PDB file of N, CA and C in Angstrom:
ATOM      1  N   MET A   1       0.849  -1.175  -0.001  1.00  0.00           N
ATOM      2  CA  MET A   1       0.001  -0.001   0.000  1.00  0.00           C
ATOM      3  C   MET A   1       0.898   1.242   0.000  1.00  0.00           C
ATOM      4  N   PRO A   2       0.682   2.144  -0.959  1.00  0.00           N
ATOM      5  CA  PRO A   2       1.506   3.357  -1.008  1.00  0.00           C
ATOM      6  C   PRO A   2       1.303   4.227   0.226  1.00  0.00           C
ATOM      7  N   LEU A   3       2.369   4.848   0.666  1.00  0.00           N
ATOM      8  CA  LEU A   3       2.289   5.741   1.815  1.00  0.00           C
ATOM      9  C   LEU A   3       1.985   7.173   1.392  1.00  0.00           C
ATOM     10  N   MET A   4       2.287   7.510   0.140  1.00  0.00           N
ATOM     11  CA  MET A   4       2.008   8.861  -0.343  1.00  0.00           C
ATOM     12  C   MET A   4       1.819   8.838  -1.857  1.00  0.00           C
ATOM     13  N   ALA A   5       1.068   9.779  -2.371  1.00  0.00           N
ATOM     14  CA  ALA A   5       0.851   9.890  -3.819  1.00  0.00           C
ATOM     15  C   ALA A   5       1.876  10.861  -4.388  1.00  0.00           C
ATOM     16  N   MET A   6       2.324  10.592  -5.590  1.00  0.00           N
ATOM     17  CA  MET A   6       3.265  11.489  -6.263  1.00  0.00           C
ATOM     18  C   MET A   6       2.513  12.725  -6.744  1.00  0.00           C
ATOM     19  N   LYS A   7       3.155  13.890  -6.616  1.00  0.00           N
ATOM     20  CA  LYS A   7       2.546  15.150  -7.046  1.00  0.00           C
ATOM     21  C   LYS A   7       3.489  15.873  -8.001  1.00  0.00           C
ATOM     22  N   ASP A   8       2.913  16.737  -8.851  1.00  0.00           N
ATOM     23  CA  ASP A   8       3.747  17.543  -9.739  1.00  0.00           C
ATOM     24  C   ASP A   8       4.132  18.843  -9.024  1.00  0.00           C
ATOM     25  N   ALA A   9       4.772  19.754  -9.759  1.00  0.00           N
ATOM     26  CA  ALA A   9       5.254  20.994  -9.156  1.00  0.00           C
ATOM     27  C   ALA A   9       4.128  21.880  -8.638  1.00  0.00           C
ATOM     28  N   THR A  10       2.918  21.715  -9.160  1.00  0.00           N
ATOM     29  CA  THR A  10       1.791  22.540  -8.712  1.00  0.00           C
ATOM     30  C   THR A  10       1.006  21.898  -7.585  1.00  0.00           C
ATOM     31  N   GLY A  11       1.398  20.689  -7.195  1.00  0.00           N
ATOM     32  CA  GLY A  11       0.713  19.996  -6.118  1.00  0.00           C
ATOM     33  C   GLY A  11      -0.391  19.063  -6.576  1.00  0.00           C
ATOM     34  N   GLN A  12      -0.596  18.964  -7.886  1.00  0.00           N
ATOM     35  CA  GLN A  12      -1.600  18.047  -8.424  1.00  0.00           C
ATOM     36  C   GLN A  12      -1.108  16.609  -8.278  1.00  0.00           C
ATOM     37  N   VAL A  13      -1.974  15.722  -7.844  1.00  0.00           N
ATOM     38  CA  VAL A  13      -1.624  14.307  -7.734  1.00  0.00           C
ATOM     39  C   VAL A  13      -1.527  13.722  -9.140  1.00  0.00           C
ATOM     40  N   ILE A  14      -0.387  13.072  -9.446  1.00  0.00           N
ATOM     41  CA  ILE A  14      -0.182  12.491 -10.773  1.00  0.00           C
ATOM     42  C   ILE A  14      -0.024  10.976 -10.707  1.00  0.00           C
ATOM     43  N   GLU A  15      -0.194  10.414  -9.530  1.00  0.00           N
ATOM     44  CA  GLU A  15      -0.057   8.972  -9.344  1.00  0.00           C
ATOM     45  C   GLU A  15      -1.030   8.236 -10.249  1.00  0.00           C
ATOM     46  N   GLY A  16      -0.519   7.384 -11.112  1.00  0.00           N
ATOM     47  CA  GLY A  16      -1.358   6.605 -12.015  1.00  0.00           C
ATOM     48  C   GLY A  16      -1.869   7.385 -13.210  1.00  0.00           C
ATOM     49  N   ILE A  17      -1.499   8.674 -13.313  1.00  0.00           N
ATOM     50  CA  ILE A  17      -1.976   9.519 -14.408  1.00  0.00           C
ATOM     51  C   ILE A  17      -0.809   9.951 -15.287  1.00  0.00           C
ATOM     52  N   GLY A  18       0.258  10.428 -14.665  1.00  0.00           N
ATOM     53  CA  GLY A  18       1.405  10.943 -15.399  1.00  0.00           C
ATOM     54  C   GLY A  18       1.318  12.457 -15.528  1.00  0.00           C
ATOM     55  N   ILE A  19       2.284  13.012 -16.216  1.00  0.00           N
ATOM     56  CA  ILE A  19       2.309  14.464 -16.403  1.00  0.00           C
ATOM     57  C   ILE A  19       2.126  14.798 -17.872  1.00  0.00           C
ATOM     58  N   LYS A  20       1.532  15.961 -18.135  1.00  0.00           N
ATOM     59  CA  LYS A  20       1.332  16.425 -19.501  1.00  0.00           C
ATOM     60  C   LYS A  20       2.658  16.988 -20.004  1.00  0.00           C
ATOM     61  N   PRO A  21       3.091  16.580 -21.188  1.00  0.00           N
ATOM     62  CA  PRO A  21       4.356  17.097 -21.714  1.00  0.00           C
ATOM     63  C   PRO A  21       4.262  18.583 -22.041  1.00  0.00           C
ATOM     64  N   ASP A  22       5.403  19.284 -21.974  1.00  0.00           N
ATOM     65  CA  ASP A  22       5.448  20.703 -22.348  1.00  0.00           C
ATOM     66  C   ASP A  22       5.186  20.866 -23.841  1.00  0.00           C
ATOM     67  N   ILE A  23       5.746  19.973 -24.621  1.00  0.00           N
ATOM     68  CA  ILE A  23       5.501  19.981 -26.068  1.00  0.00           C
ATOM     69  C   ILE A  23       5.160  18.560 -26.486  1.00  0.00           C
ATOM     70  N   GLU A  24       4.326  18.453 -27.489  1.00  0.00           N
ATOM     71  CA  GLU A  24       3.969  17.135 -27.995  1.00  0.00           C
ATOM     72  C   GLU A  24       4.681  16.902 -29.313  1.00  0.00           C
ATOM     73  N   VAL A  25       5.282  15.736 -29.439  1.00  0.00           N
ATOM     74  CA  VAL A  25       6.005  15.350 -30.645  1.00  0.00           C
ATOM     75  C   VAL A  25       5.433  14.024 -31.108  1.00  0.00           C
ATOM     76  N   THR A  26       5.144  13.924 -32.384  1.00  0.00           N
ATOM     77  CA  THR A  26       4.631  12.659 -32.895  1.00  0.00           C
ATOM     78  C   THR A  26       5.727  11.612 -32.841  1.00  0.00           C
ATOM     79  N   PRO A  27       5.381  10.379 -32.540  1.00  0.00           N
ATOM     80  CA  PRO A  27       6.379   9.313 -32.494  1.00  0.00           C
ATOM     81  C   PRO A  27       7.010   9.092 -33.870  1.00  0.00           C
ATOM     82  N   PRO A  28       8.163   8.417 -33.901  1.00  0.00           N
ATOM     83  CA  PRO A  28       8.799   8.140 -35.194  1.00  0.00           C
ATOM     84  C   PRO A  28       7.867   7.332 -36.103  1.00  0.00           C
ATOM     85  N   THR A  29       7.900   7.667 -37.392  1.00  0.00           N
ATOM     86  CA  THR A  29       7.107   6.931 -38.375  1.00  0.00           C
ATOM     87  C   THR A  29       7.771   5.585 -38.664  1.00  0.00           C
ATOM     88  N   ASP A  30       7.052   4.713 -39.346  1.00  0.00           N
ATOM     89  CA  ASP A  30       7.630   3.418 -39.737  1.00  0.00           C
ATOM     90  C   ASP A  30       8.857   3.627 -40.613  1.00  0.00           C
ATOM     91  N   ASP A  31       8.802   4.625 -41.514  1.00  0.00           N
ATOM     92  CA  ASP A  31       9.939   4.917 -42.379  1.00  0.00           C
ATOM     93  C   ASP A  31      11.143   5.381 -41.557  1.00  0.00           C
ATOM     94  N   GLU A  32      10.900   6.231 -40.559  1.00  0.00           N
ATOM     95  CA  GLU A  32      11.994   6.697 -39.700  1.00  0.00           C
ATOM     96  C   GLU A  32      12.591   5.536 -38.908  1.00  0.00           C
ATOM     97  N   LEU A  33      11.761   4.638 -38.420  1.00  0.00           N
ATOM     98  CA  LEU A  33      12.262   3.477 -37.686  1.00  0.00           C
ATOM     99  C   LEU A  33      13.095   2.585 -38.590  1.00  0.00           C
ATOM    100  N   PHE A  34      12.656   2.412 -39.832  1.00  0.00           N
ATOM    101  CA  PHE A  34      13.407   1.621 -40.814  1.00  0.00           C
ATOM    102  C   PHE A  34      14.784   2.233 -41.045  1.00  0.00           C
ATOM    103  N   GLN A  35      14.808   3.569 -41.277  1.00  0.00           N
ATOM    104  CA  GLN A  35      16.084   4.261 -41.493  1.00  0.00           C
ATOM    105  C   GLN A  35      16.976   4.179 -40.262  1.00  0.00           C
ATOM    106  N   MET A  36      16.383   4.312 -39.081  1.00  0.00           N
ATOM    107  CA  MET A  36      17.155   4.243 -37.836  1.00  0.00           C
ATOM    108  C   MET A  36      17.821   2.879 -37.691  1.00  0.00           C
ATOM    109  N   TYR A  37      17.094   1.837 -38.050  1.00  0.00           N
ATOM    110  CA  TYR A  37      17.607   0.480 -37.900  1.00  0.00           C
ATOM    111  C   TYR A  37      18.672   0.145 -38.943  1.00  0.00           C
ATOM    112  N   TYR A  38      18.416   0.510 -40.203  1.00  0.00           N
ATOM    113  CA  TYR A  38      19.311   0.098 -41.283  1.00  0.00           C
ATOM    114  C   TYR A  38      20.412   1.101 -41.611  1.00  0.00           C
ATOM    115  N   SER A  39      20.284   2.342 -41.172  1.00  0.00           N
ATOM    116  CA  SER A  39      21.323   3.351 -41.436  1.00  0.00           C
ATOM    117  C   SER A  39      21.575   4.189 -40.184  1.00  0.00           C
ATOM    118  N   PRO A  40      21.959   3.556 -39.078  1.00  0.00           N
ATOM    119  CA  PRO A  40      22.087   4.317 -37.828  1.00  0.00           C
ATOM    120  C   PRO A  40      23.154   5.411 -37.874  1.00  0.00           C
ATOM    121  N   SER A  41      24.184   5.242 -38.695  1.00  0.00           N
ATOM    122  CA  SER A  41      25.251   6.243 -38.723  1.00  0.00           C
ATOM    123  C   SER A  41      24.857   7.507 -39.489  1.00  0.00           C
ATOM    124  N   THR A  42      23.844   7.427 -40.344  1.00  0.00           N
ATOM    125  CA  THR A  42      23.423   8.604 -41.106  1.00  0.00           C
ATOM    126  C   THR A  42      22.012   9.072 -40.743  1.00  0.00           C
ATOM    127  N   PHE A  43      21.355   8.343 -39.860  1.00  0.00           N
ATOM    128  CA  PHE A  43      19.982   8.690 -39.490  1.00  0.00           C
ATOM    129  C   PHE A  43      19.952   9.973 -38.675  1.00  0.00           C
ATOM    130  N   ILE A  44      19.039  10.873 -39.012  1.00  0.00           N
ATOM    131  CA  ILE A  44      18.844  12.113 -38.259  1.00  0.00           C
ATOM    132  C   ILE A  44      17.534  11.975 -37.495  1.00  0.00           C
ATOM    133  N   ASP A  45      17.629  11.980 -36.182  1.00  0.00           N
ATOM    134  CA  ASP A  45      16.475  11.752 -35.315  1.00  0.00           C
ATOM    135  C   ASP A  45      15.658  13.027 -35.159  1.00  0.00           C
ATOM    136  N   ARG A  46      14.508  13.078 -35.811  1.00  0.00           N
ATOM    137  CA  ARG A  46      13.628  14.235 -35.786  1.00  0.00           C
ATOM    138  C   ARG A  46      13.137  14.531 -34.371  1.00  0.00           C
ATOM    139  N   VAL A  47      12.781  13.511 -33.612  1.00  0.00           N
ATOM    140  CA  VAL A  47      12.265  13.690 -32.259  1.00  0.00           C
ATOM    141  C   VAL A  47      13.349  14.267 -31.351  1.00  0.00           C
ATOM    142  N   PHE A  48      14.551  13.740 -31.453  1.00  0.00           N
ATOM    143  CA  PHE A  48      15.669  14.249 -30.652  1.00  0.00           C
ATOM    144  C   PHE A  48      15.962  15.704 -31.015  1.00  0.00           C
ATOM    145  N   ASN A  49      15.966  15.997 -32.320  1.00  0.00           N
ATOM    146  CA  ASN A  49      16.253  17.370 -32.755  1.00  0.00           C
ATOM    147  C   ASN A  49      15.192  18.343 -32.261  1.00  0.00           C
ATOM    148  N   GLN A  50      13.933  17.932 -32.224  1.00  0.00           N
ATOM    149  CA  GLN A  50      12.882  18.795 -31.699  1.00  0.00           C
ATOM    150  C   GLN A  50      13.093  19.046 -30.211  1.00  0.00           C
ATOM    151  N   ALA A  51      13.527  18.061 -29.475  1.00  0.00           N
ATOM    152  CA  ALA A  51      13.801  18.230 -28.060  1.00  0.00           C
ATOM    153  C   ALA A  51      14.957  19.194 -27.836  1.00  0.00           C
ATOM    154  N   VAL A  52      16.019  19.039 -28.598  1.00  0.00           N
ATOM    155  CA  VAL A  52      17.179  19.949 -28.483  1.00  0.00           C
ATOM    156  C   VAL A  52      16.772  21.360 -28.849  1.00  0.00           C
ATOM    157  N   GLU A  53      15.991  21.512 -29.904  1.00  0.00           N
ATOM    158  CA  GLU A  53      15.532  22.842 -30.328  1.00  0.00           C
ATOM    159  C   GLU A  53      14.709  23.495 -29.221  1.00  0.00           C
ATOM    160  N   TYR A  54      13.812  22.751 -28.605  1.00  0.00           N
ATOM    161  CA  TYR A  54      12.994  23.281 -27.517  1.00  0.00           C
ATOM    162  C   TYR A  54      13.864  23.692 -26.328  1.00  0.00           C
ATOM    163  N   LEU A  55      14.789  22.827 -25.936  1.00  0.00           N
ATOM    164  CA  LEU A  55      15.635  23.127 -24.778  1.00  0.00           C
ATOM    165  C   LEU A  55      16.588  24.291 -25.049  1.00  0.00           C
ATOM    166  N   SER A  56      16.950  24.512 -26.304  1.00  0.00           N
ATOM    167  CA  SER A  56      17.843  25.612 -26.661  1.00  0.00           C
ATOM    168  C   SER A  56      17.191  26.974 -26.465  1.00  0.00           C
ATOM    169  N   THR A  57      15.858  26.985 -26.442  1.00  0.00           N
ATOM    170  CA  THR A  57      15.156  28.259 -26.259  1.00  0.00           C
ATOM    171  C   THR A  57      14.957  28.605 -24.796  1.00  0.00           C
ATOM    172  N   LYS A  58      15.303  27.712 -23.907  1.00  0.00           N
ATOM    173  CA  LYS A  58      15.088  27.935 -22.459  1.00  0.00           C
ATOM    174  C   LYS A  58      16.294  28.540 -21.811  1.00  0.00           C
TER     175      LYS A  58
END
């Protein structure tokens, strides 16, 4: 039995719910996954780049 519920920075209980992301990014497409698997040295990760771009503005 849990002794306490997890809360976010605003005090909202997030136990079993999770937190809403600051930005939403669509998951990799099947084509991107194929490229990632078969050409890892030349693959450019769109999701990673979006995260870096977002963090660069902070």
